[in-house]
Amino acid sequence: MARNIGSHYTVHRVLGRGSAGTVWLGDGPDGPVAIKLLREDLAADRDLAERFAHERHALLGLEHPNIVGVRDLIIADSGDTPDGQEVALVMDLVRGPDLRRHLERERRLAPREAVAITAAVANGLAVAHAAGIVHRDVKPENILLDTPEGGRVALLTDFGVAKLIDEPRHGGKGGVVGTPDYLAPEIVEGLPPRAAVDIYALVTVLYELLAGFTPFGGGHPGAVLRRQVTEKAAELPGIPRELWELIQQCLAKAPASRLRAAELASRLRELLPSLEGLPPLDIGDPEEDAAPEPVEAEEPIAALAAAGGGGGGAGRVAVPLVRGTAPDSERETHTRMRVPDAEELAGGAHGTARTIRTAGERRAGSARNAAAARRRRRLAVTAAALVCAAALGGWLLFSGGDSSDGGLGEPAGGPPRADVQLSQPA
């Protein structure tokens, strides 16, 4: 059933649902559009609506071939929300899947394709950063793959929502809101997000496109956040040294060490000729420590899902970025949790989070587990030696008073027995 949104738009059917709202296929003055309606409780928040209105000019002015455009921002009265208000973002429709779906189908991308997609998104980020806008939620779900005549174009969506919703009233003082696999270390440590957080997240996406997994993901979200701060990404075999050094630089813990978006795009484009013809990496799944079952995220915040429907029509069409409301048991997507304190962040190993192995290579324990096992063995040997020494000392002490044989087999009345000094292993 058709429903009017504001005075210029009509929505027809739901394309996708996320924890921040619902994406509808709609029509407007210029043709088909995707319309994101915020959740009722968010729309009823007058402060949040004012923040959206304040950012209206910046969001509408963000135009680039690698950015999904926001056409309009609607704040209108409605009887469907508790306070009679609805907030909606009107966006372009995009033909093609999101990068997450493409990666799930392909498992790993050839280096040239992965680098080309990353360079395109970096171009879009450069324009946004120049306008003073930080995305804050760069990940495969927020990268759409348009398929116009003659090729494929990567477009970044979800500008604005992460920043506007993640305010003190919603996130709480000292909170961490985002996708743990892609969160820059400075966000985990409670520092304000600058443009460098998008570079860190984007190159994490590049690492994932090449390897099939993120450098610090796996297990409880808290463990992922700690790895982001304390550990080093494991090197990927089979890629040119220049590409790996670029990945390392942009995954640096210090934000100032990372490249700017325009520099990253330029450097990646320079590498494209050297990647021609290279196949996807032939590596196995990462080796990682056993981790507890993921816990349900508290008060999740959703991405802005620029979604679409079937083909045809004058507008561009997309598939949903958010394909359902059920949480993914294998991946925490949007987590809100407290910032770990300094002692928690400093704890644990400082080596690589995962050990990369080639395909078919025998699975081995992680470096951290191996080191811990060696320490446990040394402690066990030392403890056993101490117990034996104590037992022998007690036996010598008590047997020394036996007058029948003078202790250690000495005849009664013989020379006094010398003290026995027991040495302990170092």
Protein backbone atom coordinates (compact mmCIF):
# COMPACT_ATOMS: atom_id res chain seq x y z
CA MET A 1 0.00 0.00 0.00
CA ALA A 2 1.34 3.41 -1.02
CA ARG A 3 2.16 5.89 1.73
CA ASN A 4 3.02 9.56 1.46
CA ILE A 5 6.26 10.87 3.00
CA GLY A 6 6.18 14.62 3.24
CA SER A 7 4.52 16.40 0.34
CA HIS A 8 6.70 15.16 -2.55
CA TYR A 9 7.39 11.46 -2.01
CA THR A 10 5.44 8.21 -1.95
CA VAL A 11 6.76 4.85 -0.71
CA HIS A 12 5.49 1.53 -2.02
CA ARG A 13 7.29 -1.38 -0.39
CA VAL A 14 9.98 -2.18 2.13
CA LEU A 15 13.40 -2.95 0.70
CA GLY A 16 15.35 -3.52 3.89
CA ARG A 17 15.23 -3.08 7.64
CA GLY A 18 17.99 -2.00 9.98
CA SER A 19 18.19 -1.17 13.65
CA ALA A 20 18.03 2.57 12.87
CA GLY A 21 15.06 2.38 10.55
CA THR A 22 13.49 0.99 7.40
CA VAL A 23 14.40 1.53 3.74
CA TRP A 24 11.53 1.89 1.29
CA LEU A 25 11.30 1.95 -2.48
CA GLY A 26 9.65 5.25 -3.35
CA ASP A 27 8.84 7.77 -6.04
CA GLY A 28 9.61 11.47 -6.09
CA PRO A 29 9.54 14.40 -8.50
CA ASP A 30 12.62 13.07 -10.32
CA GLY A 31 11.74 9.38 -10.38
CA PRO A 32 12.47 6.32 -8.21
CA VAL A 33 14.35 6.84 -4.95
CA ALA A 34 15.30 4.96 -1.78
CA ILE A 35 13.78 6.49 1.35
CA LYS A 36 15.19 5.71 4.79
CA LEU A 37 12.66 6.22 7.58
CA LEU A 38 14.22 6.43 11.04
CA ARG A 39 12.82 4.33 13.86
CA GLU A 40 9.87 5.88 15.68
CA ASP A 41 11.79 6.42 18.92
CA LEU A 42 14.61 8.17 17.03
CA ALA A 43 12.21 10.28 14.99
CA ALA A 44 10.44 11.32 18.20
CA ASP A 45 13.70 12.72 19.58
CA ARG A 46 13.49 16.44 18.82
CA ASP A 47 17.20 16.95 19.49
CA LEU A 48 18.14 14.34 16.89
CA ALA A 49 15.77 15.87 14.35
CA GLU A 50 17.42 19.25 14.94
CA ARG A 51 20.87 17.71 14.37
CA PHE A 52 19.67 16.26 11.06
CA ALA A 53 18.27 19.63 10.05
CA HIS A 54 21.57 21.28 10.97
CA GLU A 55 23.48 18.85 8.72
CA ARG A 56 21.01 19.14 5.85
CA HIS A 57 23.11 21.48 3.71
CA ALA A 58 26.28 19.39 4.10
CA LEU A 59 24.53 16.10 3.31
CA LEU A 60 22.71 17.45 0.26
CA GLY A 61 25.89 19.07 -1.04
CA LEU A 62 27.95 15.87 -0.91
CA GLU A 63 28.13 14.91 -4.58
CA HIS A 64 30.67 12.58 -6.17
CA PRO A 65 30.55 9.62 -8.61
CA ASN A 66 31.66 7.32 -5.76
CA ILE A 67 29.11 8.54 -3.19
CA VAL A 68 25.44 7.59 -3.02
CA GLY A 69 23.76 10.99 -3.15
CA VAL A 70 21.29 12.24 -0.55
CA ARG A 71 18.54 14.05 -2.44
CA ASP A 72 16.42 15.33 0.39
CA LEU A 73 15.92 15.34 4.15
CA ILE A 74 12.36 15.22 5.43
CA ILE A 75 11.22 16.19 8.91
CA ALA A 76 7.45 16.14 8.85
CA ASP A 77 4.48 15.72 11.14
CA SER A 78 2.94 12.29 11.21
CA GLY A 79 0.40 10.48 13.31
CA ASP A 80 2.46 7.29 13.17
CA THR A 81 5.03 8.35 15.80
CA PRO A 82 4.45 9.13 19.50
CA ASP A 83 5.20 12.82 18.99
CA GLY A 84 3.64 12.99 15.54
CA GLN A 85 6.96 13.34 13.69
CA GLU A 86 8.91 11.35 11.12
CA VAL A 87 12.46 11.80 9.87
CA ALA A 88 13.49 10.42 6.48
CA LEU A 89 16.48 10.57 4.14
CA VAL A 90 15.79 10.42 0.40
CA MET A 91 18.66 8.82 -1.53
CA ASP A 92 19.66 7.68 -4.98
CA LEU A 93 18.89 4.12 -5.97
CA VAL A 94 21.91 2.07 -7.04
CA ARG A 95 21.95 -0.91 -9.39
CA GLY A 96 23.90 -3.87 -8.06
CA PRO A 97 24.77 -5.61 -4.78
CA ASP A 98 26.62 -4.30 -1.77
CA LEU A 99 30.24 -5.30 -1.35
CA ARG A 100 29.45 -7.71 1.48
CA ARG A 101 27.22 -9.80 -0.77
CA HIS A 102 29.82 -9.70 -3.56
CA LEU A 103 32.56 -10.81 -1.14
CA GLU A 104 30.40 -13.63 0.24
CA ARG A 105 29.93 -14.92 -3.29
CA GLU A 106 33.58 -14.60 -4.36
CA ARG A 107 35.24 -15.42 -0.98
CA ARG A 108 38.33 -13.37 -1.97
CA LEU A 109 38.89 -10.84 -4.72
CA ALA A 110 41.81 -10.65 -7.10
CA PRO A 111 44.26 -7.97 -5.91
CA ARG A 112 43.55 -5.67 -8.85
CA GLU A 113 39.78 -5.70 -8.28
CA ALA A 114 40.19 -5.21 -4.52
CA VAL A 115 42.56 -2.26 -5.00
CA ALA A 116 40.38 -0.66 -7.70
CA ILE A 117 37.31 -0.76 -5.42
CA THR A 118 39.29 0.67 -2.52
CA ALA A 119 40.75 3.46 -4.65
CA ALA A 120 37.27 4.45 -5.84
CA VAL A 121 35.91 4.65 -2.30
CA ALA A 122 38.98 6.63 -1.22
CA ASN A 123 38.12 9.15 -3.97
CA GLY A 124 34.68 9.61 -2.45
CA LEU A 125 36.10 9.94 1.06
CA ALA A 126 38.50 12.63 -0.11
CA VAL A 127 35.56 14.79 -1.20
CA ALA A 128 33.68 14.16 2.04
CA HIS A 129 36.71 14.92 4.20
CA ALA A 130 37.34 18.14 2.28
CA ALA A 131 33.76 19.13 3.20
CA GLY A 132 34.44 18.35 6.85
CA ILE A 133 32.33 15.14 6.92
CA VAL A 134 33.69 11.95 8.50
CA HIS A 135 31.82 8.79 7.53
CA ARG A 136 32.64 6.77 10.69
CA ASP A 137 31.14 3.48 9.47
CA VAL A 138 33.09 2.38 6.38
CA LYS A 139 32.57 -1.35 5.82
CA PRO A 140 31.52 -3.68 2.96
CA GLU A 141 27.82 -3.33 3.81
CA ASN A 142 28.05 0.41 3.13
CA ILE A 143 29.76 0.10 -0.25
CA LEU A 144 27.44 -0.46 -3.21
CA LEU A 145 28.54 -1.82 -6.59
CA ASP A 146 26.74 -0.02 -9.39
CA THR A 147 26.74 -1.79 -12.76
CA PRO A 148 26.30 0.80 -15.51
CA GLU A 149 27.10 0.08 -19.13
CA GLY A 150 30.73 -0.85 -19.53
CA GLY A 151 31.84 -1.66 -15.99
CA ARG A 152 31.33 -1.52 -12.26
CA VAL A 153 31.44 1.50 -9.97
CA ALA A 154 31.87 1.41 -6.19
CA LEU A 155 29.81 3.94 -4.22
CA LEU A 156 29.93 4.69 -0.51
CA THR A 157 26.66 5.20 1.34
CA ASP A 158 25.54 5.93 4.93
CA PHE A 159 27.01 9.40 5.30
CA GLY A 160 25.59 11.28 8.24
CA VAL A 161 23.64 8.68 10.20
CA ALA A 162 26.51 7.35 12.33
CA LYS A 163 27.58 10.84 13.38
CA LEU A 164 24.11 12.23 13.99
CA ILE A 165 22.81 9.31 16.02
CA ASP A 166 26.04 8.73 17.97
CA GLU A 167 25.71 11.74 20.26
CA PRO A 168 26.14 11.83 24.07
CA ARG A 169 22.43 11.48 24.59
CA HIS A 170 22.40 8.28 22.60
CA GLY A 171 25.88 6.87 22.97
CA GLY A 172 26.57 7.85 26.56
CA LYS A 173 29.79 9.30 27.85
CA GLY A 174 32.73 7.11 27.02
CA GLY A 175 30.69 4.78 24.79
CA VAL A 176 31.95 2.99 21.70
CA VAL A 177 29.49 2.75 18.82
CA GLY A 178 30.37 1.10 15.54
CA THR A 179 31.41 -2.14 13.90
CA PRO A 180 34.28 -3.63 15.98
CA ASP A 181 36.16 -5.16 13.02
CA TYR A 182 36.60 -1.72 11.42
CA LEU A 183 36.95 0.60 14.43
CA ALA A 184 40.16 2.61 14.54
CA PRO A 185 42.22 2.35 17.76
CA GLU A 186 41.67 6.01 18.67
CA ILE A 187 37.89 5.48 18.78
CA VAL A 188 38.36 2.51 21.12
CA GLU A 189 40.50 4.72 23.36
CA GLY A 190 37.75 7.34 23.51
CA LEU A 191 39.31 10.00 21.26
CA PRO A 192 37.12 12.04 18.89
CA PRO A 193 36.86 10.53 15.41
CA ARG A 194 38.75 12.42 12.70
CA ALA A 195 39.16 11.69 9.00
CA ALA A 196 41.90 9.13 9.76
CA VAL A 197 39.33 6.71 11.22
CA ASP A 198 37.81 6.33 7.74
CA ILE A 199 41.24 5.52 6.26
CA TYR A 200 41.80 2.83 8.89
CA ALA A 201 38.37 1.31 8.23
CA LEU A 202 38.74 1.44 4.43
CA VAL A 203 42.12 -0.31 4.44
CA THR A 204 40.67 -2.88 6.83
CA VAL A 205 38.09 -3.49 4.09
CA LEU A 206 40.93 -3.82 1.54
CA TYR A 207 42.65 -6.38 3.78
CA GLU A 208 39.36 -8.29 4.01
CA LEU A 209 38.84 -8.24 0.24
CA LEU A 210 42.29 -9.74 -0.25
CA ALA A 211 42.29 -12.24 2.63
CA GLY A 212 38.64 -13.11 3.13
CA PHE A 213 38.74 -11.96 6.77
CA THR A 214 39.52 -8.81 8.71
CA PRO A 215 42.90 -8.44 10.46
CA PHE A 216 41.56 -8.27 14.02
CA GLY A 217 38.11 -9.85 13.87
CA GLY A 218 36.78 -12.97 15.59
CA GLY A 219 35.32 -13.73 19.00
CA HIS A 220 33.81 -11.40 21.54
CA PRO A 221 33.52 -7.73 20.47
CA GLY A 222 35.60 -6.69 23.48
CA ALA A 223 38.44 -8.95 22.33
CA VAL A 224 38.26 -7.42 18.85
CA LEU A 225 38.46 -3.91 20.28
CA ARG A 226 41.51 -4.81 22.38
CA ARG A 227 43.28 -6.26 19.33
CA GLN A 228 42.61 -3.05 17.42
CA VAL A 229 44.63 -1.16 20.05
CA THR A 230 47.38 -3.63 20.96
CA GLU A 231 48.12 -5.94 18.05
CA LYS A 232 49.68 -5.89 14.62
CA ALA A 233 48.04 -7.20 11.46
CA ALA A 234 49.52 -10.42 10.11
CA GLU A 235 51.21 -9.99 6.74
CA LEU A 236 49.42 -11.36 3.69
CA PRO A 237 51.63 -13.58 1.51
CA GLY A 238 51.46 -13.27 -2.24
CA ILE A 239 50.90 -9.52 -2.69
CA PRO A 240 53.53 -7.02 -3.88
CA ARG A 241 55.69 -5.51 -1.15
CA GLU A 242 54.59 -1.99 -2.06
CA LEU A 243 50.94 -2.88 -1.49
CA TRP A 244 51.66 -4.49 1.87
CA GLU A 245 53.67 -1.47 3.03
CA LEU A 246 50.76 0.77 2.05
CA ILE A 247 48.33 -1.41 4.04
CA GLN A 248 50.66 -1.33 7.05
CA GLN A 249 50.92 2.45 6.92
CA CYS A 250 47.17 2.94 6.84
CA LEU A 251 46.62 0.44 9.66
CA ALA A 252 49.06 2.33 11.90
CA LYS A 253 47.86 2.82 15.46
CA ALA A 254 48.82 6.51 15.33
CA PRO A 255 46.29 8.44 13.19
CA ALA A 256 48.94 10.90 11.99
CA SER A 257 50.90 8.06 10.37
CA ARG A 258 48.10 7.16 7.97
CA LEU A 259 47.69 8.59 4.49
CA ARG A 260 44.99 11.08 3.62
CA ALA A 261 42.15 9.84 1.43
CA ALA A 262 43.37 11.59 -1.73
CA GLU A 263 46.91 10.26 -1.19
CA LEU A 264 45.60 6.75 -0.62
CA ALA A 265 43.54 6.84 -3.83
CA SER A 266 46.53 8.08 -5.83
CA ARG A 267 48.94 5.49 -4.43
CA LEU A 268 46.48 2.66 -5.04
CA ARG A 269 45.92 3.72 -8.65
CA GLU A 270 49.69 3.71 -9.21
CA LEU A 271 49.80 0.08 -8.07
CA LEU A 272 47.06 -1.16 -10.42
CA PRO A 273 49.36 -2.01 -13.39
CA SER A 274 51.57 -4.20 -11.19
CA LEU A 275 48.54 -6.19 -10.03
CA GLU A 276 47.25 -7.07 -13.47
CA GLY A 277 46.67 -10.83 -13.82
CA LEU A 278 47.35 -11.74 -10.17
CA PRO A 279 44.87 -14.36 -8.91
CA PRO A 280 43.09 -14.20 -5.53
CA LEU A 281 45.35 -15.16 -2.63
CA ASP A 282 45.55 -18.89 -1.91
CA ILE A 283 45.57 -18.88 1.87
CA GLY A 284 43.65 -20.77 4.54
CA ASP A 285 41.46 -19.48 7.29
CA PRO A 286 43.25 -17.45 9.97
CA GLU A 287 44.58 -19.11 13.10
CA GLU A 288 43.20 -17.48 16.22
CA ASP A 289 42.71 -18.12 19.89
CA ALA A 290 39.54 -19.78 21.08
CA ALA A 291 36.99 -17.13 21.90
CA PRO A 292 33.74 -17.09 23.85
CA GLU A 293 30.43 -16.99 22.07
CA PRO A 294 29.48 -13.50 20.84
CA VAL A 295 27.12 -11.60 23.09
CA GLU A 296 24.15 -9.65 21.86
CA ALA A 297 25.07 -6.04 21.14
CA GLU A 298 23.45 -3.42 23.34
CA GLU A 299 21.34 -0.72 21.65
CA PRO A 300 22.59 -1.38 18.09
CA ILE A 301 22.84 1.47 15.62
CA ALA A 302 22.20 0.64 11.97
CA ALA A 303 23.82 1.79 8.78
CA LEU A 304 21.99 3.97 6.32
CA ALA A 305 20.89 1.27 3.87
CA ALA A 306 20.48 2.70 0.40
CA ALA A 307 18.58 -0.24 -0.98
CA GLY A 308 16.77 -1.01 -4.17
CA GLY A 309 14.41 -3.29 -5.99
CA GLY A 310 14.09 -4.90 -9.37
CA GLY A 311 15.55 -3.76 -12.63
CA GLY A 312 14.04 -1.38 -15.10
CA GLY A 313 12.88 2.19 -14.78
CA ALA A 314 14.77 5.40 -15.23
CA GLY A 315 16.41 5.37 -11.81
CA ARG A 316 19.26 3.24 -10.55
CA VAL A 317 18.23 0.22 -8.50
CA ALA A 318 19.97 -1.49 -5.55
CA VAL A 319 19.66 -4.51 -3.32
CA PRO A 320 19.18 -4.00 0.43
CA LEU A 321 22.29 -3.36 2.49
CA VAL A 322 20.44 -4.67 5.53
CA ARG A 323 18.75 -7.93 4.61
CA GLY A 324 16.91 -8.60 7.85
CA THR A 325 16.54 -7.73 11.49
CA ALA A 326 17.93 -10.95 12.97
CA PRO A 327 21.47 -10.49 14.35
CA ASP A 328 24.28 -12.34 12.60
CA SER A 329 25.74 -14.85 15.04
CA GLU A 330 29.06 -14.78 13.23
CA ARG A 331 29.59 -11.03 13.02
CA GLU A 332 28.79 -8.22 15.41
CA THR A 333 27.82 -5.37 13.12
CA HIS A 334 26.99 -2.43 15.37
CA THR A 335 28.05 -2.60 18.99
CA ARG A 336 27.60 -0.11 21.79
CA MET A 337 29.85 -0.76 24.76
CA ARG A 338 32.00 1.09 27.25
CA VAL A 339 35.53 2.16 26.41
CA PRO A 340 38.06 -0.31 27.93
CA ASP A 341 40.26 1.28 30.58
CA ALA A 342 44.03 1.68 30.20
CA GLU A 343 44.84 -1.50 32.14
CA GLU A 344 42.55 -3.60 29.96
CA LEU A 345 43.97 -2.13 26.76
CA ALA A 346 47.54 -2.69 27.92
CA GLY A 347 46.97 -6.32 28.85
CA GLY A 348 47.62 -9.37 26.70
CA ALA A 349 50.01 -10.13 23.93
CA HIS A 350 51.35 -7.55 21.52
CA GLY A 351 52.05 -9.87 18.61
CA THR A 352 49.92 -10.50 15.55
CA ALA A 353 46.24 -11.13 16.09
CA ARG A 354 46.16 -14.00 13.65
CA THR A 355 48.66 -16.32 12.02
CA ILE A 356 48.18 -16.52 8.27
CA ARG A 357 48.72 -19.96 6.78
CA THR A 358 48.75 -21.13 3.18
CA ALA A 359 45.92 -23.29 1.90
CA GLY A 360 46.26 -26.88 3.14
CA GLU A 361 48.88 -26.02 5.73
CA ARG A 362 48.48 -27.90 9.00
CA ARG A 363 46.65 -25.84 11.63
CA ALA A 364 48.90 -24.91 14.55
CA GLY A 365 48.32 -23.21 17.87
CA SER A 366 48.68 -19.43 17.97
CA ALA A 367 51.94 -17.83 19.08
CA ARG A 368 50.28 -16.58 22.23
CA ASN A 369 48.98 -20.05 23.14
CA ALA A 370 52.36 -21.64 22.42
CA ALA A 371 54.18 -19.14 24.64
CA ALA A 372 51.65 -19.63 27.41
CA ALA A 373 52.00 -23.41 27.15
CA ARG A 374 55.79 -23.16 27.46
CA ARG A 375 55.43 -21.00 30.55
CA ARG A 376 53.00 -23.47 32.08
CA ARG A 377 55.39 -26.38 31.42
CA ARG A 378 58.30 -24.53 33.03
CA LEU A 379 56.19 -23.73 36.08
CA ALA A 380 55.02 -27.34 36.33
CA VAL A 381 58.60 -28.68 36.17
CA THR A 382 59.77 -26.17 38.78
CA ALA A 383 56.88 -27.01 41.09
CA ALA A 384 57.52 -30.75 40.74
CA ALA A 385 61.20 -30.25 41.54
CA LEU A 386 60.32 -28.22 44.64
CA VAL A 387 57.93 -30.91 45.85
CA CYS A 388 60.54 -33.63 45.33
CA ALA A 389 63.18 -31.54 47.10
CA ALA A 390 60.90 -30.94 50.05
CA ALA A 391 60.04 -34.64 50.28
CA LEU A 392 63.70 -35.66 50.14
CA GLY A 393 64.64 -33.05 52.73
CA GLY A 394 61.94 -34.34 55.09
CA TRP A 395 63.10 -37.90 54.62
CA LEU A 396 66.71 -36.92 55.34
CA LEU A 397 65.65 -34.98 58.42
CA PHE A 398 63.65 -37.76 59.96
CA SER A 399 65.98 -40.59 58.95
CA GLY A 400 68.90 -38.76 60.59
CA GLY A 401 67.46 -39.61 64.04
CA ASP A 402 67.47 -43.37 63.42
CA SER A 403 70.12 -44.81 65.76
CA SER A 404 70.14 -48.20 64.15
CA ASP A 405 72.10 -47.20 61.11
CA GLY A 406 73.22 -43.66 61.83
CA GLY A 407 71.06 -42.19 59.10
CA LEU A 408 72.48 -42.67 55.60
CA GLY A 409 73.75 -46.17 56.27
CA GLU A 410 76.53 -44.99 58.55
CA PRO A 411 77.32 -47.38 61.39
CA ALA A 412 76.17 -46.28 64.78
CA GLY A 413 78.68 -44.09 66.50
CA GLY A 414 80.35 -43.13 63.22
CA PRO A 415 81.38 -39.62 62.26
CA PRO A 416 78.72 -36.97 62.21
CA ARG A 417 76.79 -36.71 58.91
CA ALA A 418 77.36 -33.56 56.84
CA ASP A 419 74.35 -31.37 56.02
CA VAL A 420 72.84 -32.07 52.61
CA GLN A 421 72.14 -28.92 50.51
CA LEU A 422 69.42 -29.34 47.92
CA SER A 423 69.62 -27.19 44.82
CA GLN A 424 66.53 -26.05 42.99
CA PRO A 425 66.31 -25.64 39.27
CA ALA A 426 66.74 -22.11 38.08
